[in-house]
């Protein structure tokens, strides 16, 4: 079983998420550097049996990342995407995560 955190996203010019920043959890306090995964790679990672994925959200008050919500795959066929706790909040589709477009291409 592998545990991952998603800390950020990349969007295309239409504002659609095209890639995700994945970190593999090594132990309770150590994570790997971000690995950019395409939408298809991210979906495959989340769908792989035994993997667990949560968001990793920057907390401005404490100046550190906090573990966020569980990430799942929704949809079927070519209409799949990642989603966290589907309750009609901004955080549902991971659009609230750091936009890495301006940090790393």
C-alpha atoms as a PDB file:
ATOM      1  CA  UNK A   1       0.000   0.000   0.000  1.00  0.00           C
ATOM      2  CA  UNK A   2       1.311   3.431  -0.925  1.00  0.00           C
ATOM      3  CA  UNK A   3       0.102   6.672   0.580  1.00  0.00           C
ATOM      4  CA  UNK A   4       0.162   9.929  -1.408  1.00  0.00           C
ATOM      5  CA  UNK A   5      -0.621  13.610  -0.902  1.00  0.00           C
ATOM      6  CA  UNK A   6      -1.614  16.045  -3.668  1.00  0.00           C
ATOM      7  CA  UNK A   7      -0.380  19.581  -2.988  1.00  0.00           C
ATOM      8  CA  UNK A   8      -1.037  21.380  -6.254  1.00  0.00           C
ATOM      9  CA  UNK A   9      -2.357  21.379  -9.789  1.00  0.00           C
ATOM     10  CA  UNK A  10      -1.602  22.597 -13.300  1.00  0.00           C
ATOM     11  CA  UNK A  11      -4.390  24.010 -15.485  1.00  0.00           C
ATOM     12  CA  UNK A  12      -4.678  24.616 -19.223  1.00  0.00           C
ATOM     13  CA  UNK A  13      -5.744  27.957 -20.736  1.00  0.00           C
ATOM     14  CA  UNK A  14      -9.411  26.954 -20.314  1.00  0.00           C
ATOM     15  CA  UNK A  15      -8.926  26.504 -16.558  1.00  0.00           C
ATOM     16  CA  UNK A  16      -9.191  22.703 -16.717  1.00  0.00           C
ATOM     17  CA  UNK A  17      -6.862  20.718 -14.446  1.00  0.00           C
ATOM     18  CA  UNK A  18      -4.360  18.793 -16.564  1.00  0.00           C
ATOM     19  CA  UNK A  19      -1.813  17.591 -13.988  1.00  0.00           C
ATOM     20  CA  UNK A  20      -1.331  17.116 -10.251  1.00  0.00           C
ATOM     21  CA  UNK A  21       1.603  17.454  -7.822  1.00  0.00           C
ATOM     22  CA  UNK A  22       1.896  14.064  -6.053  1.00  0.00           C
ATOM     23  CA  UNK A  23       4.056  13.404  -2.989  1.00  0.00           C
ATOM     24  CA  UNK A  24       4.671   9.852  -1.752  1.00  0.00           C
ATOM     25  CA  UNK A  25       4.485   9.487   2.020  1.00  0.00           C
ATOM     26  CA  UNK A  26       7.652   7.840   3.336  1.00  0.00           C
ATOM     27  CA  UNK A  27       6.777   8.004   7.044  1.00  0.00           C
ATOM     28  CA  UNK A  28       4.624  10.190   9.281  1.00  0.00           C
ATOM     29  CA  UNK A  29       6.865  13.243   8.837  1.00  0.00           C
ATOM     30  CA  UNK A  30       8.680  12.675   5.518  1.00  0.00           C
ATOM     31  CA  UNK A  31       7.304  13.039   1.998  1.00  0.00           C
ATOM     32  CA  UNK A  32       8.999  13.036  -1.393  1.00  0.00           C
ATOM     33  CA  UNK A  33       9.340  16.128  -3.546  1.00  0.00           C
ATOM     34  CA  UNK A  34       6.399  16.784  -5.837  1.00  0.00           C
ATOM     35  CA  UNK A  35       6.106  14.611  -8.920  1.00  0.00           C
ATOM     36  CA  UNK A  36       4.014  16.032 -11.743  1.00  0.00           C
ATOM     37  CA  UNK A  37       1.464  13.458 -12.894  1.00  0.00           C
ATOM     38  CA  UNK A  38      -0.837  13.925 -15.860  1.00  0.00           C
ATOM     39  CA  UNK A  39      -4.559  13.554 -15.307  1.00  0.00           C
ATOM     40  CA  UNK A  40      -4.416   9.978 -16.669  1.00  0.00           C
ATOM     41  CA  UNK A  41      -1.442   9.069 -14.444  1.00  0.00           C
ATOM     42  CA  UNK A  42      -3.156  10.595 -11.402  1.00  0.00           C
ATOM     43  CA  UNK A  43      -6.358   8.653 -12.039  1.00  0.00           C
ATOM     44  CA  UNK A  44      -4.393   5.413 -12.456  1.00  0.00           C
ATOM     45  CA  UNK A  45      -2.521   6.082  -9.190  1.00  0.00           C
ATOM     46  CA  UNK A  46      -5.720   6.737  -7.232  1.00  0.00           C
ATOM     47  CA  UNK A  47      -7.473   3.710  -8.750  1.00  0.00           C
ATOM     48  CA  UNK A  48      -4.610   1.307  -7.974  1.00  0.00           C
ATOM     49  CA  UNK A  49      -5.787  -1.060  -5.251  1.00  0.00           C
ATOM     50  CA  UNK A  50      -4.132  -0.362  -1.916  1.00  0.00           C
ATOM     51  CA  UNK A  51      -3.178   3.250  -2.661  1.00  0.00           C
ATOM     52  CA  UNK A  52      -4.598   6.050  -0.530  1.00  0.00           C
ATOM     53  CA  UNK A  53      -4.549   9.674  -1.633  1.00  0.00           C
ATOM     54  CA  UNK A  54      -5.419  12.848   0.251  1.00  0.00           C
ATOM     55  CA  UNK A  55      -5.010  16.523  -0.461  1.00  0.00           C
ATOM     56  CA  UNK A  56      -2.152  18.386   1.225  1.00  0.00           C
ATOM     57  CA  UNK A  57      -3.279  21.946   1.863  1.00  0.00           C
ATOM     58  CA  UNK A  58      -1.091  24.914   2.800  1.00  0.00           C
ATOM     59  CA  UNK A  59      -2.208  26.451   6.094  1.00  0.00           C
ATOM     60  CA  UNK A  60      -1.285  30.140   6.111  1.00  0.00           C
ATOM     61  CA  UNK A  61      -1.915  30.528   9.854  1.00  0.00           C
ATOM     62  CA  UNK A  62       0.545  27.803  10.879  1.00  0.00           C
ATOM     63  CA  UNK A  63       2.867  28.135   7.842  1.00  0.00           C
ATOM     64  CA  UNK A  64       2.809  24.414   7.118  1.00  0.00           C
ATOM     65  CA  UNK A  65       0.903  21.856   5.068  1.00  0.00           C
ATOM     66  CA  UNK A  66      -2.077  20.052   6.607  1.00  0.00           C
ATOM     67  CA  UNK A  67      -3.577  16.755   5.499  1.00  0.00           C
ATOM     68  CA  UNK A  68      -6.832  17.530   3.743  1.00  0.00           C
ATOM     69  CA  UNK A  69      -9.557  15.381   2.249  1.00  0.00           C
ATOM     70  CA  UNK A  70      -9.560  11.893   0.748  1.00  0.00           C
ATOM     71  CA  UNK A  71      -9.284  11.886  -3.056  1.00  0.00           C
ATOM     72  CA  UNK A  72     -11.294   9.476  -5.204  1.00  0.00           C
ATOM     73  CA  UNK A  73     -11.966   8.949  -8.904  1.00  0.00           C
ATOM     74  CA  UNK A  74     -15.464   9.675 -10.186  1.00  0.00           C
ATOM     75  CA  UNK A  75     -16.975   9.241 -13.615  1.00  0.00           C
ATOM     76  CA  UNK A  76     -16.630   6.498 -16.193  1.00  0.00           C
ATOM     77  CA  UNK A  77     -14.695   5.810 -19.386  1.00  0.00           C
ATOM     78  CA  UNK A  78     -13.035   8.941 -20.737  1.00  0.00           C
ATOM     79  CA  UNK A  79     -15.058  11.158 -18.383  1.00  0.00           C
ATOM     80  CA  UNK A  80     -13.096  10.381 -15.192  1.00  0.00           C
ATOM     81  CA  UNK A  81     -11.627  12.965 -12.862  1.00  0.00           C
ATOM     82  CA  UNK A  82     -10.352  13.320  -9.297  1.00  0.00           C
ATOM     83  CA  UNK A  83     -12.635  14.537  -6.575  1.00  0.00           C
ATOM     84  CA  UNK A  84     -12.527  15.020  -2.826  1.00  0.00           C
ATOM     85  CA  UNK A  85     -15.574  14.782  -0.539  1.00  0.00           C
ATOM     86  CA  UNK A  86     -18.392  15.555  -3.012  1.00  0.00           C
ATOM     87  CA  UNK A  87     -20.471  18.015  -1.000  1.00  0.00           C
ATOM     88  CA  UNK A  88     -20.641  20.973  -3.401  1.00  0.00           C
ATOM     89  CA  UNK A  89     -17.807  22.880  -1.757  1.00  0.00           C
ATOM     90  CA  UNK A  90     -14.913  24.623  -3.497  1.00  0.00           C
ATOM     91  CA  UNK A  91     -12.618  21.791  -2.432  1.00  0.00           C
ATOM     92  CA  UNK A  92     -14.613  19.129  -4.314  1.00  0.00           C
ATOM     93  CA  UNK A  93     -12.530  18.997  -7.485  1.00  0.00           C
ATOM     94  CA  UNK A  94      -9.123  20.013  -6.115  1.00  0.00           C
ATOM     95  CA  UNK A  95      -9.310  23.434  -7.822  1.00  0.00           C
ATOM     96  CA  UNK A  96      -8.479  25.064  -4.471  1.00  0.00           C
ATOM     97  CA  UNK A  97      -4.950  23.595  -4.384  1.00  0.00           C
ATOM     98  CA  UNK A  98      -1.845  25.628  -5.229  1.00  0.00           C
ATOM     99  CA  UNK A  99      -1.667  26.449  -8.947  1.00  0.00           C
ATOM    100  CA  UNK A 100       1.809  25.300 -10.000  1.00  0.00           C
ATOM    101  CA  UNK A 101       1.526  26.813 -13.502  1.00  0.00           C
ATOM    102  CA  UNK A 102       3.590  29.818 -12.465  1.00  0.00           C
ATOM    103  CA  UNK A 103       6.069  27.786 -10.371  1.00  0.00           C
ATOM    104  CA  UNK A 104       7.010  24.892 -12.655  1.00  0.00           C
ATOM    105  CA  UNK A 105       5.986  24.269 -16.266  1.00  0.00           C
END
